[in-house]
Protein backbone atom coordinates (compact mmCIF):
# COMPACT_ATOMS: atom_id res chain seq x y z
CA MET A 1 -33.15 15.00 19.02
CA SER A 2 -30.07 12.78 19.21
CA THR A 3 -27.50 13.11 21.97
CA PRO A 4 -23.77 13.49 21.18
CA GLU A 5 -23.27 9.87 22.18
CA GLU A 6 -25.97 8.75 19.71
CA GLY A 7 -24.43 10.89 16.97
CA ALA A 8 -20.98 9.50 17.71
CA ALA A 9 -22.09 5.87 17.48
CA PRO A 10 -22.63 5.88 13.68
CA GLY A 11 -19.23 7.57 13.30
CA ARG A 12 -17.55 4.86 15.35
CA ARG A 13 -19.31 2.14 13.36
CA LEU A 14 -18.26 3.76 10.10
CA LEU A 15 -14.66 4.05 11.28
CA ALA A 16 -14.67 0.41 12.39
CA LEU A 17 -16.01 -0.75 9.01
CA LEU A 18 -13.49 1.42 7.12
CA LEU A 19 -10.62 0.00 9.17
CA LEU A 20 -11.92 -3.55 8.63
CA HIS A 21 -12.29 -2.86 4.91
CA SER A 22 -8.73 -1.56 4.75
CA ALA A 23 -7.34 -4.52 6.67
CA VAL A 24 -9.13 -7.17 4.57
CA THR A 25 -8.13 -5.42 1.34
CA GLN A 26 -4.48 -5.59 2.35
CA VAL A 27 -4.71 -9.19 3.60
CA ILE A 28 -5.93 -10.27 0.16
CA THR A 29 -3.29 -8.22 -1.64
CA PHE A 30 -0.38 -9.20 0.57
CA VAL A 31 -1.21 -12.89 0.47
CA LEU A 32 -1.82 -13.02 -3.29
CA ARG A 33 1.19 -11.04 -4.44
CA PRO A 34 3.97 -13.01 -2.67
CA THR A 35 2.15 -16.27 -3.42
CA SER A 36 1.98 -15.38 -7.11
CA ALA A 37 5.74 -14.81 -6.98
CA TYR A 38 6.20 -18.28 -5.49
CA ARG A 39 3.92 -19.70 -8.16
CA ALA A 40 6.09 -17.99 -10.79
CA LEU A 41 9.16 -19.65 -9.27
CA GLU A 42 7.36 -23.02 -9.47
CA LEU A 43 6.87 -22.34 -13.18
CA ASP A 44 10.62 -21.54 -13.53
CA VAL A 45 9.93 -17.94 -14.55
CA PRO A 46 13.33 -16.14 -14.77
CA THR A 47 14.12 -13.75 -11.92
CA ALA A 48 14.07 -10.74 -14.25
CA TRP A 49 10.44 -11.52 -15.13
CA LEU A 50 9.43 -11.12 -11.50
CA GLY A 51 9.79 -7.40 -12.11
CA ALA A 52 7.25 -7.64 -14.93
CA LEU A 53 4.88 -9.57 -12.64
CA THR A 54 5.25 -6.83 -10.03
CA ALA A 55 4.62 -4.10 -12.60
CA SER A 56 1.50 -5.83 -13.98
CA PHE A 57 -0.22 -5.10 -10.66
CA ALA A 58 -0.03 -1.39 -11.52
CA VAL A 59 -0.33 -1.10 -15.33
CA VAL A 60 -4.12 -0.84 -15.75
CA PRO A 61 -4.61 0.98 -12.41
CA LEU A 62 -2.09 3.58 -13.59
CA VAL A 63 -4.52 4.52 -16.37
CA LEU A 64 -7.60 4.30 -14.13
CA ALA A 65 -6.29 6.08 -11.03
CA VAL A 66 -7.42 9.62 -11.88
CA PRO A 67 -10.80 8.53 -13.33
CA SER A 68 -11.38 6.50 -10.17
CA GLY A 69 -10.90 9.63 -8.07
CA LEU A 70 -13.33 11.54 -10.26
CA ALA A 71 -15.84 8.68 -9.92
CA THR A 72 -15.39 8.71 -6.14
CA ASP A 73 -16.12 12.43 -5.90
CA ARG A 74 -19.09 12.12 -8.26
CA PHE A 75 -20.75 8.82 -7.28
CA GLY A 76 -19.56 8.29 -3.72
CA GLU A 77 -16.96 6.20 -1.96
CA ARG A 78 -19.18 3.17 -1.31
CA ARG A 79 -20.00 2.46 -4.97
CA VAL A 80 -16.37 2.65 -6.01
CA MET A 81 -15.34 0.38 -3.13
CA LEU A 82 -18.03 -2.14 -4.09
CA VAL A 83 -16.64 -2.50 -7.62
CA GLY A 84 -13.17 -2.85 -6.14
CA ALA A 85 -14.31 -5.65 -3.83
CA VAL A 86 -15.86 -7.54 -6.75
CA LEU A 87 -12.61 -7.34 -8.73
CA MET A 88 -10.47 -8.46 -5.79
CA THR A 89 -12.68 -11.51 -5.32
CA LEU A 90 -12.40 -12.24 -9.03
CA ALA A 91 -8.61 -11.93 -8.85
CA GLY A 92 -8.45 -14.60 -6.15
CA ALA A 93 -10.52 -16.89 -8.36
CA VAL A 94 -8.23 -16.28 -11.36
CA PHE A 95 -5.17 -17.24 -9.31
CA ALA A 96 -6.96 -20.24 -7.78
CA LEU A 97 -7.75 -21.67 -11.23
CA GLU A 98 -3.99 -21.71 -12.00
CA ARG A 99 -4.64 -21.57 -15.74
CA GLY A 100 -2.50 -19.97 -18.42
CA GLY A 101 0.90 -20.22 -16.76
CA ALA A 102 2.79 -16.93 -16.53
CA ALA A 103 0.12 -15.14 -18.60
CA GLY A 104 -2.54 -16.25 -16.11
CA LEU A 105 -0.46 -14.85 -13.26
CA VAL A 106 -0.15 -11.52 -15.06
CA LEU A 107 -3.92 -11.43 -15.71
CA GLY A 108 -4.69 -12.14 -12.07
CA SER A 109 -2.23 -9.45 -11.01
CA VAL A 110 -3.86 -6.88 -13.30
CA VAL A 111 -7.35 -7.65 -11.93
CA LEU A 112 -6.01 -7.56 -8.37
CA GLY A 113 -4.31 -4.23 -8.94
CA THR A 114 -7.45 -2.67 -10.40
CA GLY A 115 -9.64 -3.90 -7.52
CA HIS A 116 -7.07 -2.76 -5.00
CA LEU A 117 -6.95 0.70 -6.59
CA LEU A 118 -10.71 1.22 -6.46
CA SER A 119 -10.92 -0.03 -2.88
CA VAL A 120 -8.07 2.18 -1.69
CA VAL A 121 -9.23 5.37 -3.47
CA GLY A 122 -12.65 4.95 -1.89
CA GLN A 123 -11.18 4.26 1.55
CA GLN A 124 -8.81 7.21 1.51
CA ALA A 125 -11.46 9.64 0.29
CA ALA A 126 -13.81 8.37 3.01
CA VAL A 127 -11.17 8.92 5.71
CA ALA A 128 -10.32 12.40 4.38
CA ASN A 129 -13.98 13.41 4.20
CA THR A 130 -14.91 12.13 7.66
CA ALA A 131 -11.83 13.19 9.69
CA GLY A 132 -12.20 16.52 11.46
CA PRO A 133 -9.85 19.47 10.88
CA GLY A 134 -6.49 18.97 12.59
CA ARG A 135 -6.98 15.20 12.85
CA PHE A 136 -5.66 14.09 9.47
CA ASP A 137 -2.33 12.74 10.76
CA THR A 138 -4.04 10.69 13.45
CA ALA A 139 -6.86 9.52 11.15
CA PHE A 140 -4.53 8.40 8.39
CA GLY A 141 -2.19 6.90 10.96
CA TYR A 142 -5.03 4.67 12.17
CA TYR A 143 -6.14 3.95 8.61
CA THR A 144 -2.68 2.88 7.51
CA PHE A 145 -2.27 0.98 10.79
CA ALA A 146 -5.25 -1.14 9.73
CA ALA A 147 -3.63 -1.55 6.31
CA SER A 148 -0.39 -2.69 7.96
CA LEU A 149 -2.37 -5.15 10.07
CA GLY A 150 -3.64 -6.68 6.85
CA GLN A 151 -0.13 -6.64 5.43
CA ALA A 152 1.06 -8.59 8.47
CA VAL A 153 -1.74 -11.16 8.34
CA GLY A 154 -1.31 -11.80 4.61
CA PRO A 155 2.25 -13.18 4.73
CA ALA A 156 1.38 -14.98 7.98
CA LEU A 157 -1.28 -16.91 6.05
CA ILE A 158 1.45 -18.10 3.69
CA THR A 159 3.31 -19.47 6.70
CA LEU A 160 0.14 -21.08 8.08
CA LEU A 161 -1.20 -22.60 4.85
CA GLY A 162 1.84 -23.07 2.65
CA GLY A 163 3.78 -25.79 4.47
CA ASP A 164 7.46 -25.98 5.40
CA GLY A 165 9.10 -26.20 1.99
CA ALA A 166 11.15 -23.52 0.27
CA LEU A 167 8.18 -23.14 -2.12
CA PRO A 168 4.72 -23.19 -0.48
CA ASP A 169 1.64 -25.09 -1.63
CA THR A 170 -0.15 -22.26 -3.46
CA ALA A 171 -3.58 -23.85 -4.00
CA PRO A 172 -4.99 -23.49 -0.42
CA ILE A 173 -3.57 -19.96 -0.18
CA PHE A 174 -5.31 -18.84 -3.38
CA ALA A 175 -8.58 -20.45 -2.25
CA THR A 176 -8.45 -18.71 1.13
CA ALA A 177 -7.83 -15.34 -0.52
CA THR A 178 -10.89 -15.86 -2.71
CA GLY A 179 -13.00 -16.52 0.40
CA LEU A 180 -11.66 -13.32 1.97
CA GLY A 181 -12.85 -11.47 -1.14
CA VAL A 182 -16.40 -12.51 -0.24
CA VAL A 183 -15.84 -11.09 3.27
CA LEU A 184 -14.70 -7.82 1.69
CA LEU A 185 -17.87 -7.69 -0.41
CA ALA A 186 -20.04 -8.16 2.67
CA CYS A 187 -18.15 -5.44 4.53
CA THR A 188 -18.70 -3.00 1.65
CA VAL A 189 -22.43 -3.71 1.51
CA PHE A 190 -22.83 -2.59 5.15
CA LEU A 191 -20.97 0.73 4.70
CA ARG A 192 -23.19 3.80 5.11
CA MET A 193 -21.36 7.00 4.21
CA PRO A 194 -22.54 10.43 5.47
CA ALA A 195 -23.51 13.23 3.06
CA ARG A 196 -20.49 14.51 1.16
CA GLU A 197 -19.38 18.10 0.69
CA ARG A 198 -19.37 19.36 -2.88
CA ALA A 199 -16.43 21.31 -4.27
CA SER A 200 -16.86 25.07 -4.08
CA GLY A 201 -17.16 27.07 -7.30
CA ALA A 202 -13.47 27.92 -7.84
CA ALA A 203 -12.25 24.48 -6.80
CA ALA A 204 -14.86 22.71 -8.90
CA SER A 205 -13.97 24.68 -12.02
CA GLY A 206 -10.24 24.17 -11.44
CA GLY A 207 -10.57 20.46 -10.73
CA MET A 208 -7.35 18.50 -11.25
CA GLY A 209 -5.55 21.64 -12.45
CA SER A 210 -5.98 23.31 -9.07
CA LEU A 211 -4.53 20.24 -7.38
CA LEU A 212 -1.52 20.14 -9.70
CA ARG A 213 -0.68 23.73 -8.77
CA LEU A 214 -0.29 22.91 -5.07
CA PRO A 215 3.26 23.85 -3.91
CA GLY A 216 5.43 20.82 -3.15
CA LEU A 217 3.05 18.37 -4.81
CA VAL A 218 5.66 16.81 -7.11
CA ARG A 219 8.10 16.18 -4.26
CA ALA A 220 5.36 14.64 -2.12
CA LEU A 221 4.27 12.34 -4.95
CA LEU A 222 7.89 11.33 -5.63
CA ILE A 223 8.47 10.39 -2.00
CA SER A 224 5.20 8.47 -1.86
CA CYS A 225 5.79 6.46 -5.03
CA VAL A 226 9.38 5.45 -4.18
CA VAL A 227 8.45 4.40 -0.65
CA LEU A 228 5.53 2.31 -1.94
CA ALA A 229 7.69 0.78 -4.68
CA ALA A 230 10.19 -0.18 -1.98
CA VAL A 231 7.42 -2.04 -0.12
CA ASP A 232 6.45 -3.80 -3.37
CA ILE A 233 10.02 -4.77 -4.12
CA THR A 234 10.39 -6.17 -0.62
CA LEU A 235 7.27 -8.30 -1.15
CA VAL A 236 8.62 -9.87 -4.34
CA TYR A 237 12.39 -9.89 -3.92
CA LEU A 238 12.65 -10.85 -0.26
CA PRO A 239 11.15 -14.25 -1.15
CA ALA A 240 13.59 -14.45 -4.07
CA LEU A 241 16.47 -13.50 -1.75
CA GLY A 242 15.32 -16.12 0.74
CA ALA A 243 15.22 -18.78 -1.99
CA ASP A 244 18.76 -17.82 -3.05
CA ARG A 245 19.97 -18.21 0.53
CA GLY A 246 18.02 -21.38 1.31
CA LEU A 247 15.50 -19.84 3.71
CA ALA A 248 12.19 -21.69 4.07
CA ALA A 249 9.05 -19.96 2.84
CA GLY A 250 7.77 -19.84 6.42
CA VAL A 251 10.85 -17.93 7.54
CA VAL A 252 10.47 -15.43 4.72
CA GLY A 253 6.79 -15.05 5.59
CA LEU A 254 7.79 -14.31 9.18
CA LEU A 255 10.25 -11.63 7.98
CA LEU A 256 7.53 -10.00 5.88
CA THR A 257 5.22 -10.10 8.89
CA LEU A 258 7.85 -8.44 11.08
CA ARG A 259 8.21 -5.65 8.52
CA ALA A 260 4.46 -5.10 8.48
CA VAL A 261 4.16 -5.15 12.30
CA ALA A 262 6.95 -2.57 12.55
CA SER A 263 5.07 -0.35 10.07
CA MET A 264 1.94 -0.79 12.17
CA THR A 265 3.81 0.52 15.20
CA SER A 266 5.07 3.68 13.52
CA ARG A 267 1.61 4.36 12.05
CA LEU A 268 -0.27 3.78 15.30
CA PHE A 269 1.72 6.56 16.97
CA LEU A 270 1.96 8.82 13.91
CA GLY A 271 -0.12 11.66 15.37
CA ARG A 272 2.04 11.80 18.49
CA LEU A 273 5.26 11.61 16.46
CA VAL A 274 4.16 14.49 14.22
CA ARG A 275 3.28 16.64 17.22
CA ARG A 276 6.66 15.91 18.79
CA VAL A 277 9.06 16.31 15.84
CA GLY A 278 7.02 17.76 12.94
CA ARG A 279 6.07 16.25 9.59
CA ARG A 280 9.14 17.38 7.67
CA ARG A 281 11.73 16.08 10.13
CA LEU A 282 9.81 12.83 10.60
CA MET A 283 9.66 12.35 6.82
CA ILE A 284 13.42 12.85 6.44
CA VAL A 285 14.32 10.49 9.30
CA SER A 286 11.94 7.75 8.15
CA VAL A 287 13.16 7.77 4.54
CA ALA A 288 16.81 7.75 5.66
CA LEU A 289 16.14 4.81 8.00
CA SER A 290 14.44 2.95 5.14
CA ALA A 291 17.37 3.52 2.78
CA VAL A 292 20.00 2.33 5.25
CA SER A 293 17.98 -0.72 6.32
CA MET A 294 17.24 -1.76 2.74
CA ALA A 295 20.94 -1.60 1.89
CA VAL A 296 21.87 -3.70 4.93
CA VAL A 297 19.23 -6.36 4.14
CA ALA A 298 21.00 -6.97 0.83
CA VAL A 299 24.17 -7.99 2.71
CA PRO A 300 24.48 -11.62 3.93
CA LEU A 301 23.50 -11.61 7.61
CA PRO A 302 22.66 -14.12 10.36
CA LEU A 303 18.92 -14.68 10.55
CA LEU A 304 18.42 -12.78 13.83
CA ALA A 305 20.36 -9.78 12.54
CA MET A 306 18.37 -9.87 9.31
CA ALA A 307 15.13 -9.89 11.32
CA ALA A 308 16.27 -6.86 13.34
CA VAL A 309 17.11 -4.91 10.19
CA VAL A 310 13.76 -5.84 8.63
CA VAL A 311 12.05 -4.36 11.72
CA LEU A 312 13.94 -1.09 11.23
CA LEU A 313 13.00 -1.16 7.55
CA GLY A 314 9.33 -1.52 8.47
CA LEU A 315 9.49 1.37 10.93
CA GLY A 316 10.87 3.63 8.22
CA LEU A 317 8.61 2.51 5.38
CA GLY A 318 5.50 2.85 7.54
CA VAL A 319 5.64 6.64 7.81
CA GLY A 320 5.85 7.97 4.24
CA GLN A 321 2.39 6.97 3.01
CA PRO A 322 0.20 8.35 5.84
CA LEU A 323 2.20 11.59 6.00
CA THR A 324 1.65 12.32 2.31
CA MET A 325 -2.03 11.35 2.64
CA SER A 326 -2.61 13.70 5.57
CA TRP A 327 -0.80 16.53 3.79
CA LEU A 328 -2.96 16.10 0.68
CA ALA A 329 -6.17 15.84 2.72
CA GLU A 330 -5.26 19.07 4.48
CA VAL A 331 -4.48 21.15 1.37
CA ALA A 332 -7.08 19.70 -1.06
CA PRO A 333 -10.39 21.59 -1.34
CA ALA A 334 -13.57 19.91 -0.08
CA GLY A 335 -15.17 17.83 -2.82
CA LEU A 336 -11.83 17.18 -4.56
CA ARG A 337 -10.27 14.85 -2.03
CA GLY A 338 -11.10 11.72 -4.04
CA ARG A 339 -9.21 13.24 -6.97
CA ALA A 340 -6.38 14.31 -4.67
CA MET A 341 -5.94 10.78 -3.36
CA SER A 342 -6.19 9.35 -6.86
CA LEU A 343 -3.48 11.74 -8.03
CA ARG A 344 -1.21 10.44 -5.29
CA LEU A 345 -2.08 6.89 -6.30
CA THR A 346 -1.30 7.73 -9.93
CA GLY A 347 2.21 8.68 -8.88
CA ASN A 348 2.40 5.53 -6.78
CA ARG A 349 1.27 3.33 -9.66
CA LEU A 350 3.74 5.01 -12.03
CA GLY A 351 6.49 4.19 -9.57
CA GLN A 352 5.17 0.64 -9.25
CA VAL A 353 5.41 0.23 -13.04
CA LEU A 354 8.76 1.92 -13.70
CA ILE A 355 10.81 1.11 -10.61
CA PRO A 356 10.22 -2.68 -10.42
CA SER A 357 10.70 -2.95 -14.19
CA ALA A 358 14.01 -1.13 -13.91
CA VAL A 359 15.21 -3.19 -10.97
CA GLY A 360 14.06 -6.34 -12.77
CA LEU A 361 16.67 -5.56 -15.39
CA VAL A 362 19.20 -5.13 -12.59
CA ALA A 363 18.21 -8.53 -11.20
CA ALA A 364 19.17 -10.22 -14.45
CA GLY A 365 22.78 -9.40 -13.68
CA VAL A 366 23.12 -9.14 -9.90
CA GLY A 367 20.12 -11.02 -8.47
CA ALA A 368 17.74 -10.14 -5.66
CA ALA A 369 20.43 -8.62 -3.41
CA GLY A 370 21.35 -6.17 -6.15
CA VAL A 371 17.69 -5.15 -6.53
CA LEU A 372 17.45 -4.35 -2.83
CA ALA A 373 20.66 -2.31 -2.97
CA ALA A 374 19.36 -0.34 -5.97
CA THR A 375 16.11 0.34 -4.12
CA ALA A 376 18.10 1.65 -1.16
CA ALA A 377 19.82 4.11 -3.49
CA ALA A 378 16.44 5.32 -4.79
CA LEU A 379 15.23 5.86 -1.22
CA ALA A 380 18.36 7.89 -0.47
CA VAL A 381 17.60 10.15 -3.43
CA VAL A 382 14.04 10.91 -2.29
CA GLY A 383 15.35 11.42 1.23
CA VAL A 384 17.25 14.41 -0.13
CA ALA A 385 14.06 15.64 -1.83
CA ALA A 386 12.21 15.38 1.49
CA ARG A 387 14.52 18.02 2.97
CA ARG A 388 12.85 20.68 0.79
CA LEU A 389 9.25 19.53 1.28
CA ALA A 390 7.14 21.94 3.33
CA VAL A 391 4.78 19.52 5.09
CA ASP A 392 4.64 21.01 8.58
CA GLY A 393 1.73 22.92 9.98
CA GLY A 394 -1.86 22.18 10.76
CA SER A 395 -1.29 18.66 11.97
CA GLY A 396 -2.27 17.08 15.17
CA ALA A 397 -4.47 14.60 16.88
């Protein structure tokens, strides 16, 4: 008979592998996406088309998000994550070949987005299914902390490998990302998930319909998708803004890293913050901080002031995703959590398609600064929606 310590050891190993998987997934994504934007600038792709490049990351995953959740609940998290790891490795190889010009960049972005979707759906379902009752805020805080760690390392690799020019050398960056895809594959192979709960009779028969009837779901999905789109827009248009203002690629990479580190900080202490101020109030404050900071970034500032505002932006943007994840994990029936997370990701992907495409049209007239200002306005709108979202209760560490 195993002791509690022996039973806890596999859980700790599983958590460590899930956090590593999350971090590596985000490193690959957050190094490939800004680098593909720089590659597009090398090819003299118009600024408005950067919005299309951003949206291509989400087009196919938008269609596959709900089926991926169904597959996760039916076949298990590990199998879905394995397919995702294969696709992310393939995406790095597509970018590294540098064939097909702008069309090749779009293809690589589509493959990357699909692999990222499958990896993330599997990860989030695994966290929801292994976290104990009352620990969802803390568990998803740690999970998204690991994601933010990857988001910090990704842009830092651009600084390390890309050189000192306004446009980095993309070839070594793409090659490194492909190698990290192999690491992700190895990490997935070693995952061993515990037995999963099946959905109970009523929940199983209701399926996605029972999830769609959850009170407040639409508001939660709206907040989640706008906050994530704001992160995406920062990834693509902060480099464009830096190029407009003559900032070196290394400086822009440092700014992106600061944003990610700030998000890591807010996520690491998410459980404590929720216990102190409550989910609803924390959601409102974080979205408001994001909106104000995004608007200020669009204004010409000295570099140190810009860095300080980017830190505030990261603190605000870091909270929205884990709070909506923990809320969904808490209200979704057992056996439907993969579908619940995929439904959230569907809303996120829809926002990633529509919002960058819309702001790309804005960029044609007012440039990158105008895009950031428009994104700040969108954040302000969902901040108002957050005031009526009932997300408190049942949280904790």
